[in-house]
Amino acid sequence: MIFCTPEYIFSIPARLKNLLEWCVATTIFMNKPVGIITASANGVQGHEQLKLILNTLGAKMNEDAQLLINGIKSKFDGQGQLLDPSIIQKLAQFAGGFKMLLVKDDN
């Protein structure tokens, strides 16, 4: 599963947090491969909170399957065209990291 979320008031969106809280009493995320993309103005605190929650739920993650994109609004022009080509490279690295989680999951 891949989570891609903004940060709201230095946290993850309330509905996402509520959804994850409902999973605490389950094993639905236990050892499941999970990737995280946070795209926001800052995003640092929300990204860290999501990692903490998913770790608590037992999700299998690695640093390569995590991506924090700060200043997301400045990365695109008014027509939605990507202005920052380094984002494509970072997304490719993310995809490779997530693929490694999937490959390990098959063994």
PDB file of N, CA and C in Angstrom:
ATOM      1  N   MET A   1       0.849  -1.156   0.000  1.00  0.00           N
ATOM      2  CA  MET A   1       0.000   0.000   0.000  1.00  0.00           C
ATOM      3  C   MET A   1       0.903   1.230   0.000  1.00  0.00           C
ATOM      4  N   ILE A   2       0.497   2.229  -0.735  1.00  0.00           N
ATOM      5  CA  ILE A   2       1.223   3.497  -0.762  1.00  0.00           C
ATOM      6  C   ILE A   2       0.307   4.592  -0.246  1.00  0.00           C
ATOM      7  N   PHE A   3       0.799   5.331   0.732  1.00  0.00           N
ATOM      8  CA  PHE A   3       0.087   6.486   1.251  1.00  0.00           C
ATOM      9  C   PHE A   3       0.734   7.731   0.662  1.00  0.00           C
ATOM     10  N   CYS A   4      -0.065   8.585   0.051  1.00  0.00           N
ATOM     11  CA  CYS A   4       0.405   9.866  -0.456  1.00  0.00           C
ATOM     12  C   CYS A   4      -0.514  10.921   0.132  1.00  0.00           C
ATOM     13  N   THR A   5       0.027  11.778   0.969  1.00  0.00           N
ATOM     14  CA  THR A   5      -0.812  12.701   1.724  1.00  0.00           C
ATOM     15  C   THR A   5      -0.141  14.051   1.908  1.00  0.00           C
ATOM     16  N   PRO A   6      -0.939  15.085   2.089  1.00  0.00           N
ATOM     17  CA  PRO A   6      -0.382  16.378   2.488  1.00  0.00           C
ATOM     18  C   PRO A   6      -0.242  16.409   4.011  1.00  0.00           C
ATOM     19  N   GLU A   7       0.249  17.504   4.499  1.00  0.00           N
ATOM     20  CA  GLU A   7       0.310  17.750   5.941  1.00  0.00           C
ATOM     21  C   GLU A   7      -0.678  18.869   6.247  1.00  0.00           C
ATOM     22  N   TYR A   8      -1.488  18.682   7.263  1.00  0.00           N
ATOM     23  CA  TYR A   8      -2.423  19.718   7.702  1.00  0.00           C
ATOM     24  C   TYR A   8      -2.108  20.103   9.138  1.00  0.00           C
ATOM     25  N   ILE A   9      -1.801  21.358   9.349  1.00  0.00           N
ATOM     26  CA  ILE A   9      -1.488  21.902  10.671  1.00  0.00           C
ATOM     27  C   ILE A   9      -0.484  21.000  11.389  1.00  0.00           C
ATOM     28  N   PHE A  10       0.612  20.693  10.710  1.00  0.00           N
ATOM     29  CA  PHE A  10       1.729  19.926  11.243  1.00  0.00           C
ATOM     30  C   PHE A  10       1.364  18.495  11.625  1.00  0.00           C
ATOM     31  N   SER A  11       0.380  17.914  10.948  1.00  0.00           N
ATOM     32  CA  SER A  11      -0.045  16.552  11.233  1.00  0.00           C
ATOM     33  C   SER A  11      -0.590  15.922   9.955  1.00  0.00           C
ATOM     34  N   ILE A  12      -0.991  14.665  10.049  1.00  0.00           N
ATOM     35  CA  ILE A  12      -1.639  14.023   8.916  1.00  0.00           C
ATOM     36  C   ILE A  12      -3.114  14.418   8.917  1.00  0.00           C
ATOM     37  N   PRO A  13      -3.784  14.331   7.792  1.00  0.00           N
ATOM     38  CA  PRO A  13      -5.211  14.668   7.747  1.00  0.00           C
ATOM     39  C   PRO A  13      -6.018  13.823   8.748  1.00  0.00           C
ATOM     40  N   ALA A  14      -6.989  14.456   9.379  1.00  0.00           N
ATOM     41  CA  ALA A  14      -7.781  13.808  10.430  1.00  0.00           C
ATOM     42  C   ALA A  14      -8.464  12.533   9.951  1.00  0.00           C
ATOM     43  N   ARG A  15      -8.974  12.530   8.742  1.00  0.00           N
ATOM     44  CA  ARG A  15      -9.672  11.332   8.243  1.00  0.00           C
ATOM     45  C   ARG A  15      -8.708  10.163   8.045  1.00  0.00           C
ATOM     46  N   LEU A  16      -7.508  10.455   7.612  1.00  0.00           N
ATOM     47  CA  LEU A  16      -6.515   9.396   7.473  1.00  0.00           C
ATOM     48  C   LEU A  16      -6.131   8.858   8.850  1.00  0.00           C
ATOM     49  N   LYS A  17      -5.931   9.745   9.803  1.00  0.00           N
ATOM     50  CA  LYS A  17      -5.595   9.304  11.162  1.00  0.00           C
ATOM     51  C   LYS A  17      -6.715   8.456  11.737  1.00  0.00           C
ATOM     52  N   ASN A  18      -7.959   8.863  11.513  1.00  0.00           N
ATOM     53  CA  ASN A  18      -9.092   8.097  12.011  1.00  0.00           C
ATOM     54  C   ASN A  18      -9.125   6.710  11.378  1.00  0.00           C
ATOM     55  N   LEU A  19      -8.902   6.644  10.084  1.00  0.00           N
ATOM     56  CA  LEU A  19      -8.876   5.349   9.402  1.00  0.00           C
ATOM     57  C   LEU A  19      -7.813   4.437  10.011  1.00  0.00           C
ATOM     58  N   LEU A  20      -6.630   4.978  10.228  1.00  0.00           N
ATOM     59  CA  LEU A  20      -5.545   4.181  10.791  1.00  0.00           C
ATOM     60  C   LEU A  20      -5.830   3.781  12.239  1.00  0.00           C
ATOM     61  N   GLU A  21      -6.482   4.656  12.986  1.00  0.00           N
ATOM     62  CA  GLU A  21      -6.826   4.322  14.375  1.00  0.00           C
ATOM     63  C   GLU A  21      -7.777   3.129  14.440  1.00  0.00           C
ATOM     64  N   TRP A  22      -8.646   2.990  13.468  1.00  0.00           N
ATOM     65  CA  TRP A  22      -9.556   1.850  13.423  1.00  0.00           C
ATOM     66  C   TRP A  22      -8.792   0.550  13.186  1.00  0.00           C
ATOM     67  N   CYS A  23      -7.590   0.644  12.676  1.00  0.00           N
ATOM     68  CA  CYS A  23      -6.792  -0.549  12.370  1.00  0.00           C
ATOM     69  C   CYS A  23      -5.916  -1.001  13.537  1.00  0.00           C
ATOM     70  N   VAL A  24      -5.862  -0.232  14.605  1.00  0.00           N
ATOM     71  CA  VAL A  24      -4.969  -0.543  15.723  1.00  0.00           C
ATOM     72  C   VAL A  24      -5.272  -1.912  16.328  1.00  0.00           C
ATOM     73  N   ALA A  25      -6.512  -2.262  16.442  1.00  0.00           N
ATOM     74  CA  ALA A  25      -6.886  -3.537  17.068  1.00  0.00           C
ATOM     75  C   ALA A  25      -6.852  -4.702  16.074  1.00  0.00           C
ATOM     76  N   THR A  26      -6.313  -4.478  14.885  1.00  0.00           N
ATOM     77  CA  THR A  26      -6.250  -5.527  13.866  1.00  0.00           C
ATOM     78  C   THR A  26      -4.791  -5.817  13.520  1.00  0.00           C
ATOM     79  N   THR A  27      -4.595  -6.776  12.657  1.00  0.00           N
ATOM     80  CA  THR A  27      -3.258  -7.066  12.138  1.00  0.00           C
ATOM     81  C   THR A  27      -3.193  -6.764  10.639  1.00  0.00           C
ATOM     82  N   ILE A  28      -4.093  -5.927  10.172  1.00  0.00           N
ATOM     83  CA  ILE A  28      -4.216  -5.668   8.742  1.00  0.00           C
ATOM     84  C   ILE A  28      -2.925  -5.121   8.109  1.00  0.00           C
ATOM     85  N   PHE A  29      -2.137  -4.366   8.862  1.00  0.00           N
ATOM     86  CA  PHE A  29      -0.892  -3.808   8.319  1.00  0.00           C
ATOM     87  C   PHE A  29       0.341  -4.604   8.731  1.00  0.00           C
ATOM     88  N   MET A  30       0.172  -5.624   9.562  1.00  0.00           N
ATOM     89  CA  MET A  30       1.308  -6.383  10.084  1.00  0.00           C
ATOM     90  C   MET A  30       2.134  -6.974   8.936  1.00  0.00           C
ATOM     91  N   ASN A  31       3.397  -6.554   8.868  1.00  0.00           N
ATOM     92  CA  ASN A  31       4.358  -7.022   7.864  1.00  0.00           C
ATOM     93  C   ASN A  31       3.928  -6.773   6.421  1.00  0.00           C
ATOM     94  N   LYS A  32       3.020  -5.844   6.205  1.00  0.00           N
ATOM     95  CA  LYS A  32       2.603  -5.486   4.845  1.00  0.00           C
ATOM     96  C   LYS A  32       3.528  -4.386   4.322  1.00  0.00           C
ATOM     97  N   PRO A  33       3.939  -4.476   3.061  1.00  0.00           N
ATOM     98  CA  PRO A  33       4.788  -3.431   2.499  1.00  0.00           C
ATOM     99  C   PRO A  33       4.023  -2.114   2.349  1.00  0.00           C
ATOM    100  N   VAL A  34       4.619  -1.052   2.865  1.00  0.00           N
ATOM    101  CA  VAL A  34       3.976   0.264   2.851  1.00  0.00           C
ATOM    102  C   VAL A  34       4.991   1.318   2.421  1.00  0.00           C
ATOM    103  N   GLY A  35       4.568   2.178   1.499  1.00  0.00           N
ATOM    104  CA  GLY A  35       5.355   3.327   1.089  1.00  0.00           C
ATOM    105  C   GLY A  35       4.644   4.600   1.510  1.00  0.00           C
ATOM    106  N   ILE A  36       5.418   5.648   1.740  1.00  0.00           N
ATOM    107  CA  ILE A  36       4.856   6.920   2.196  1.00  0.00           C
ATOM    108  C   ILE A  36       5.394   8.053   1.329  1.00  0.00           C
ATOM    109  N   ILE A  37       4.478   8.861   0.795  1.00  0.00           N
ATOM    110  CA  ILE A  37       4.844  10.101   0.113  1.00  0.00           C
ATOM    111  C   ILE A  37       4.088  11.228   0.805  1.00  0.00           C
ATOM    112  N   THR A  38       4.816  12.207   1.290  1.00  0.00           N
ATOM    113  CA  THR A  38       4.200  13.394   1.866  1.00  0.00           C
ATOM    114  C   THR A  38       4.570  14.566   0.971  1.00  0.00           C
ATOM    115  N   ALA A  39       3.562  15.222   0.431  1.00  0.00           N
ATOM    116  CA  ALA A  39       3.774  16.366  -0.456  1.00  0.00           C
ATOM    117  C   ALA A  39       3.011  17.542   0.135  1.00  0.00           C
ATOM    118  N   SER A  40       3.754  18.530   0.626  1.00  0.00           N
ATOM    119  CA  SER A  40       3.118  19.620   1.358  1.00  0.00           C
ATOM    120  C   SER A  40       4.034  20.839   1.357  1.00  0.00           C
ATOM    121  N   ALA A  41       3.575  21.894   2.004  1.00  0.00           N
ATOM    122  CA  ALA A  41       4.398  23.093   2.135  1.00  0.00           C
ATOM    123  C   ALA A  41       5.677  22.764   2.908  1.00  0.00           C
ATOM    124  N   ASN A  42       5.543  22.097   4.032  1.00  0.00           N
ATOM    125  CA  ASN A  42       6.679  21.645   4.822  1.00  0.00           C
ATOM    126  C   ASN A  42       6.656  20.126   4.876  1.00  0.00           C
ATOM    127  N   GLY A  43       5.715  19.559   5.612  1.00  0.00           N
ATOM    128  CA  GLY A  43       5.476  18.128   5.606  1.00  0.00           C
ATOM    129  C   GLY A  43       6.275  17.288   6.574  1.00  0.00           C
ATOM    130  N   VAL A  44       7.294  17.847   7.179  1.00  0.00           N
ATOM    131  CA  VAL A  44       8.195  17.059   8.016  1.00  0.00           C
ATOM    132  C   VAL A  44       7.464  16.386   9.176  1.00  0.00           C
ATOM    133  N   GLN A  45       6.695  17.143   9.928  1.00  0.00           N
ATOM    134  CA  GLN A  45       6.035  16.577  11.110  1.00  0.00           C
ATOM    135  C   GLN A  45       4.946  15.575  10.727  1.00  0.00           C
ATOM    136  N   GLY A  46       4.161  15.888   9.708  1.00  0.00           N
ATOM    137  CA  GLY A  46       3.136  14.960   9.263  1.00  0.00           C
ATOM    138  C   GLY A  46       3.748  13.665   8.759  1.00  0.00           C
ATOM    139  N   HIS A  47       4.854  13.766   8.041  1.00  0.00           N
ATOM    140  CA  HIS A  47       5.561  12.594   7.517  1.00  0.00           C
ATOM    141  C   HIS A  47       6.033  11.705   8.670  1.00  0.00           C
ATOM    142  N   GLU A  48       6.635  12.328   9.667  1.00  0.00           N
ATOM    143  CA  GLU A  48       7.128  11.572  10.829  1.00  0.00           C
ATOM    144  C   GLU A  48       5.980  10.930  11.604  1.00  0.00           C
ATOM    145  N   GLN A  49       4.868  11.634  11.742  1.00  0.00           N
ATOM    146  CA  GLN A  49       3.713  11.061  12.445  1.00  0.00           C
ATOM    147  C   GLN A  49       3.163   9.853  11.708  1.00  0.00           C
ATOM    148  N   LEU A  50       3.076   9.940  10.387  1.00  0.00           N
ATOM    149  CA  LEU A  50       2.567   8.805   9.613  1.00  0.00           C
ATOM    150  C   LEU A  50       3.508   7.609   9.740  1.00  0.00           C
ATOM    151  N   LYS A  51       4.812   7.848   9.698  1.00  0.00           N
ATOM    152  CA  LYS A  51       5.771   6.762   9.890  1.00  0.00           C
ATOM    153  C   LYS A  51       5.590   6.113  11.264  1.00  0.00           C
ATOM    154  N   LEU A  52       5.433   6.922  12.294  1.00  0.00           N
ATOM    155  CA  LEU A  52       5.251   6.400  13.646  1.00  0.00           C
ATOM    156  C   LEU A  52       3.999   5.536  13.750  1.00  0.00           C
ATOM    157  N   ILE A  53       2.899   6.031  13.200  1.00  0.00           N
ATOM    158  CA  ILE A  53       1.636   5.286  13.251  1.00  0.00           C
ATOM    159  C   ILE A  53       1.760   3.965  12.493  1.00  0.00           C
ATOM    160  N   LEU A  54       2.330   4.004  11.300  1.00  0.00           N
ATOM    161  CA  LEU A  54       2.456   2.779  10.510  1.00  0.00           C
ATOM    162  C   LEU A  54       3.421   1.787  11.153  1.00  0.00           C
ATOM    163  N   ASN A  55       4.477   2.278  11.782  1.00  0.00           N
ATOM    164  CA  ASN A  55       5.361   1.394  12.542  1.00  0.00           C
ATOM    165  C   ASN A  55       4.615   0.747  13.702  1.00  0.00           C
ATOM    166  N   THR A  56       3.785   1.523  14.375  1.00  0.00           N
ATOM    167  CA  THR A  56       2.977   1.002  15.473  1.00  0.00           C
ATOM    168  C   THR A  56       2.038  -0.094  14.988  1.00  0.00           C
ATOM    169  N   LEU A  57       1.526   0.060  13.776  1.00  0.00           N
ATOM    170  CA  LEU A  57       0.625  -0.936  13.200  1.00  0.00           C
ATOM    171  C   LEU A  57       1.367  -2.150  12.642  1.00  0.00           C
ATOM    172  N   GLY A  58       2.700  -2.115  12.671  1.00  0.00           N
ATOM    173  CA  GLY A  58       3.494  -3.255  12.226  1.00  0.00           C
ATOM    174  C   GLY A  58       3.775  -3.308  10.740  1.00  0.00           C
ATOM    175  N   ALA A  59       3.567  -2.184  10.042  1.00  0.00           N
ATOM    176  CA  ALA A  59       3.825  -2.148   8.600  1.00  0.00           C
ATOM    177  C   ALA A  59       5.312  -2.328   8.326  1.00  0.00           C
ATOM    178  N   LYS A  60       5.607  -2.919   7.181  1.00  0.00           N
ATOM    179  CA  LYS A  60       6.991  -3.102   6.762  1.00  0.00           C
ATOM    180  C   LYS A  60       7.368  -1.924   5.862  1.00  0.00           C
ATOM    181  N   MET A  61       8.342  -1.146   6.296  1.00  0.00           N
ATOM    182  CA  MET A  61       8.763   0.033   5.542  1.00  0.00           C
ATOM    183  C   MET A  61      10.280   0.062   5.455  1.00  0.00           C
ATOM    184  N   ASN A  62      10.790   0.845   4.517  1.00  0.00           N
ATOM    185  CA  ASN A  62      12.212   1.147   4.479  1.00  0.00           C
ATOM    186  C   ASN A  62      12.371   2.606   4.059  1.00  0.00           C
ATOM    187  N   GLU A  63      13.539   3.142   4.286  1.00  0.00           N
ATOM    188  CA  GLU A  63      13.783   4.561   3.985  1.00  0.00           C
ATOM    189  C   GLU A  63      13.655   4.868   2.498  1.00  0.00           C
ATOM    190  N   ASP A  64      13.976   3.902   1.646  1.00  0.00           N
ATOM    191  CA  ASP A  64      13.914   4.130   0.203  1.00  0.00           C
ATOM    192  C   ASP A  64      12.482   4.203  -0.316  1.00  0.00           C
ATOM    193  N   ALA A  65      11.519   3.708   0.462  1.00  0.00           N
ATOM    194  CA  ALA A  65      10.098   3.756   0.066  1.00  0.00           C
ATOM    195  C   ALA A  65       9.382   4.870   0.814  1.00  0.00           C
ATOM    196  N   GLN A  66      10.135   5.934   1.090  1.00  0.00           N
ATOM    197  CA  GLN A  66       9.569   7.115   1.737  1.00  0.00           C
ATOM    198  C   GLN A  66      10.063   8.341   0.988  1.00  0.00           C
ATOM    199  N   LEU A  67       9.149   9.251   0.748  1.00  0.00           N
ATOM    200  CA  LEU A  67       9.508  10.458   0.003  1.00  0.00           C
ATOM    201  C   LEU A  67       8.798  11.656   0.618  1.00  0.00           C
ATOM    202  N   LEU A  68       9.560  12.660   0.948  1.00  0.00           N
ATOM    203  CA  LEU A  68       9.030  13.917   1.466  1.00  0.00           C
ATOM    204  C   LEU A  68       9.315  14.998   0.434  1.00  0.00           C
ATOM    205  N   ILE A  69       8.255  15.608  -0.088  1.00  0.00           N
ATOM    206  CA  ILE A  69       8.391  16.682  -1.069  1.00  0.00           C
ATOM    207  C   ILE A  69       7.945  17.980  -0.407  1.00  0.00           C
ATOM    208  N   ASN A  70       8.937  18.782  -0.011  1.00  0.00           N
ATOM    209  CA  ASN A  70       8.659  20.084   0.600  1.00  0.00           C
ATOM    210  C   ASN A  70       8.323  21.100  -0.485  1.00  0.00           C
ATOM    211  N   GLY A  71       7.501  22.085  -0.149  1.00  0.00           N
ATOM    212  CA  GLY A  71       7.193  23.164  -1.077  1.00  0.00           C
ATOM    213  C   GLY A  71       6.522  22.687  -2.349  1.00  0.00           C
ATOM    214  N   ILE A  72       5.567  21.796  -2.217  1.00  0.00           N
ATOM    215  CA  ILE A  72       4.963  21.134  -3.373  1.00  0.00           C
ATOM    216  C   ILE A  72       4.350  22.121  -4.374  1.00  0.00           C
ATOM    217  N   LYS A  73       3.761  23.210  -3.888  1.00  0.00           N
ATOM    218  CA  LYS A  73       3.116  24.156  -4.811  1.00  0.00           C
ATOM    219  C   LYS A  73       4.113  24.798  -5.762  1.00  0.00           C
ATOM    220  N   SER A  74       5.329  24.978  -5.327  1.00  0.00           N
ATOM    221  CA  SER A  74       6.335  25.610  -6.186  1.00  0.00           C
ATOM    222  C   SER A  74       6.945  24.635  -7.186  1.00  0.00           C
ATOM    223  N   LYS A  75       6.584  23.379  -7.113  1.00  0.00           N
ATOM    224  CA  LYS A  75       7.152  22.360  -8.007  1.00  0.00           C
ATOM    225  C   LYS A  75       6.405  22.266  -9.338  1.00  0.00           C
ATOM    226  N   PHE A  76       5.242  22.925  -9.440  1.00  0.00           N
ATOM    227  CA  PHE A  76       4.414  22.854 -10.639  1.00  0.00           C
ATOM    228  C   PHE A  76       4.031  24.259 -11.093  1.00  0.00           C
ATOM    229  N   ASP A  77       3.830  24.423 -12.407  1.00  0.00           N
ATOM    230  CA  ASP A  77       3.342  25.713 -12.900  1.00  0.00           C
ATOM    231  C   ASP A  77       1.814  25.722 -12.887  1.00  0.00           C
ATOM    232  N   GLY A  78       1.217  26.799 -13.366  1.00  0.00           N
ATOM    233  CA  GLY A  78      -0.240  26.959 -13.359  1.00  0.00           C
ATOM    234  C   GLY A  78      -0.987  25.937 -14.189  1.00  0.00           C
ATOM    235  N   GLN A  79      -0.304  25.301 -15.134  1.00  0.00           N
ATOM    236  CA  GLN A  79      -0.928  24.276 -15.974  1.00  0.00           C
ATOM    237  C   GLN A  79      -0.676  22.859 -15.459  1.00  0.00           C
ATOM    238  N   GLY A  80      -0.036  22.774 -14.293  1.00  0.00           N
ATOM    239  CA  GLY A  80       0.230  21.467 -13.704  1.00  0.00           C
ATOM    240  C   GLY A  80       1.476  20.782 -14.238  1.00  0.00           C
ATOM    241  N   GLN A  81       2.308  21.513 -14.962  1.00  0.00           N
ATOM    242  CA  GLN A  81       3.552  20.951 -15.489  1.00  0.00           C
ATOM    243  C   GLN A  81       4.627  20.986 -14.405  1.00  0.00           C
ATOM    244  N   LEU A  82       5.340  19.902 -14.283  1.00  0.00           N
ATOM    245  CA  LEU A  82       6.399  19.793 -13.279  1.00  0.00           C
ATOM    246  C   LEU A  82       7.556  20.725 -13.619  1.00  0.00           C
ATOM    247  N   LEU A  83       7.917  21.585 -12.673  1.00  0.00           N
ATOM    248  CA  LEU A  83       9.027  22.516 -12.861  1.00  0.00           C
ATOM    249  C   LEU A  83      10.334  21.975 -12.313  1.00  0.00           C
ATOM    250  N   ASP A  84      10.244  21.036 -11.389  1.00  0.00           N
ATOM    251  CA  ASP A  84      11.426  20.498 -10.711  1.00  0.00           C
ATOM    252  C   ASP A  84      11.701  19.081 -11.207  1.00  0.00           C
ATOM    253  N   PRO A  85      12.630  18.915 -12.155  1.00  0.00           N
ATOM    254  CA  PRO A  85      12.893  17.584 -12.711  1.00  0.00           C
ATOM    255  C   PRO A  85      13.472  16.605 -11.693  1.00  0.00           C
ATOM    256  N   SER A  86      14.022  17.104 -10.587  1.00  0.00           N
ATOM    257  CA  SER A  86      14.573  16.189  -9.583  1.00  0.00           C
ATOM    258  C   SER A  86      13.476  15.355  -8.922  1.00  0.00           C
ATOM    259  N   ILE A  87      12.235  15.825  -8.980  1.00  0.00           N
ATOM    260  CA  ILE A  87      11.113  15.071  -8.409  1.00  0.00           C
ATOM    261  C   ILE A  87      10.937  13.747  -9.152  1.00  0.00           C
ATOM    262  N   ILE A  88      11.120  13.745 -10.450  1.00  0.00           N
ATOM    263  CA  ILE A  88      11.002  12.507 -11.234  1.00  0.00           C
ATOM    264  C   ILE A  88      12.048  11.493 -10.771  1.00  0.00           C
ATOM    265  N   GLN A  89      13.260  11.959 -10.554  1.00  0.00           N
ATOM    266  CA  GLN A  89      14.332  11.076 -10.066  1.00  0.00           C
ATOM    267  C   GLN A  89      13.982  10.550  -8.669  1.00  0.00           C
ATOM    268  N   LYS A  90      13.464  11.408  -7.811  1.00  0.00           N
ATOM    269  CA  LYS A  90      13.096  10.982  -6.454  1.00  0.00           C
ATOM    270  C   LYS A  90      11.948   9.979  -6.487  1.00  0.00           C
ATOM    271  N   LEU A  91      11.000  10.185  -7.380  1.00  0.00           N
ATOM    272  CA  LEU A  91       9.898   9.232  -7.515  1.00  0.00           C
ATOM    273  C   LEU A  91      10.400   7.886  -8.030  1.00  0.00           C
ATOM    274  N   ALA A  92      11.370   7.907  -8.917  1.00  0.00           N
ATOM    275  CA  ALA A  92      11.952   6.659  -9.418  1.00  0.00           C
ATOM    276  C   ALA A  92      12.664   5.916  -8.288  1.00  0.00           C
ATOM    277  N   GLN A  93      13.398   6.651  -7.446  1.00  0.00           N
ATOM    278  CA  GLN A  93      14.055   6.037  -6.287  1.00  0.00           C
ATOM    279  C   GLN A  93      13.012   5.452  -5.341  1.00  0.00           C
ATOM    280  N   PHE A  94      11.935   6.205  -5.116  1.00  0.00           N
ATOM    281  CA  PHE A  94      10.843   5.720  -4.267  1.00  0.00           C
ATOM    282  C   PHE A  94      10.274   4.419  -4.830  1.00  0.00           C
ATOM    283  N   ALA A  95      10.006   4.401  -6.130  1.00  0.00           N
ATOM    284  CA  ALA A  95       9.441   3.205  -6.764  1.00  0.00           C
ATOM    285  C   ALA A  95      10.377   2.008  -6.604  1.00  0.00           C
ATOM    286  N   GLY A  96      11.664   2.233  -6.749  1.00  0.00           N
ATOM    287  CA  GLY A  96      12.638   1.156  -6.554  1.00  0.00           C
ATOM    288  C   GLY A  96      12.649   0.652  -5.120  1.00  0.00           C
ATOM    289  N   GLY A  97      12.573   1.578  -4.175  1.00  0.00           N
ATOM    290  CA  GLY A  97      12.535   1.191  -2.759  1.00  0.00           C
ATOM    291  C   GLY A  97      11.287   0.418  -2.419  1.00  0.00           C
ATOM    292  N   PHE A  98      10.169   0.836  -2.985  1.00  0.00           N
ATOM    293  CA  PHE A  98       8.913   0.128  -2.717  1.00  0.00           C
ATOM    294  C   PHE A  98       8.939  -1.248  -3.378  1.00  0.00           C
ATOM    295  N   LYS A  99       9.510  -1.323  -4.565  1.00  0.00           N
ATOM    296  CA  LYS A  99       9.618  -2.616  -5.258  1.00  0.00           C
ATOM    297  C   LYS A  99      10.444  -3.592  -4.422  1.00  0.00           C
ATOM    298  N   MET A 100      11.490  -3.103  -3.765  1.00  0.00           N
ATOM    299  CA  MET A 100      12.307  -3.972  -2.909  1.00  0.00           C
ATOM    300  C   MET A 100      11.479  -4.534  -1.757  1.00  0.00           C
ATOM    301  N   LEU A 101      10.578  -3.726  -1.213  1.00  0.00           N
ATOM    302  CA  LEU A 101       9.690  -4.224  -0.156  1.00  0.00           C
ATOM    303  C   LEU A 101       8.798  -5.343  -0.695  1.00  0.00           C
ATOM    304  N   LEU A 102       8.306  -5.174  -1.910  1.00  0.00           N
ATOM    305  CA  LEU A 102       7.446  -6.180  -2.519  1.00  0.00           C
ATOM    306  C   LEU A 102       8.205  -7.470  -2.814  1.00  0.00           C
ATOM    307  N   VAL A 103       9.437  -7.344  -3.296  1.00  0.00           N
ATOM    308  CA  VAL A 103      10.247  -8.509  -3.609  1.00  0.00           C
ATOM    309  C   VAL A 103      10.537  -9.292  -2.329  1.00  0.00           C
ATOM    310  N   LYS A 104      10.887  -8.578  -1.259  1.00  0.00           N
ATOM    311  CA  LYS A 104      11.152  -9.225   0.034  1.00  0.00           C
ATOM    312  C   LYS A 104       9.889  -9.892   0.557  1.00  0.00           C
ATOM    313  N   ASP A 105       8.730  -9.299   0.249  1.00  0.00           N
ATOM    314  CA  ASP A 105       7.456  -9.839   0.714  1.00  0.00           C
ATOM    315  C   ASP A 105       7.145 -11.167   0.034  1.00  0.00           C
ATOM    316  N   ASP A 106       7.620 -11.346  -1.204  1.00  0.00           N
ATOM    317  CA  ASP A 106       7.352 -12.583  -1.951  1.00  0.00           C
ATOM    318  C   ASP A 106       8.148 -13.761  -1.410  1.00  0.00           C
ATOM    319  N   ASN A 107       9.264 -13.503  -0.736  1.00  0.00           N
ATOM    320  CA  ASN A 107      10.119 -14.589  -0.230  1.00  0.00           C
ATOM    321  C   ASN A 107       9.616 -15.142   1.064  1.00  0.00           C
TER     322      ASN A 107
END
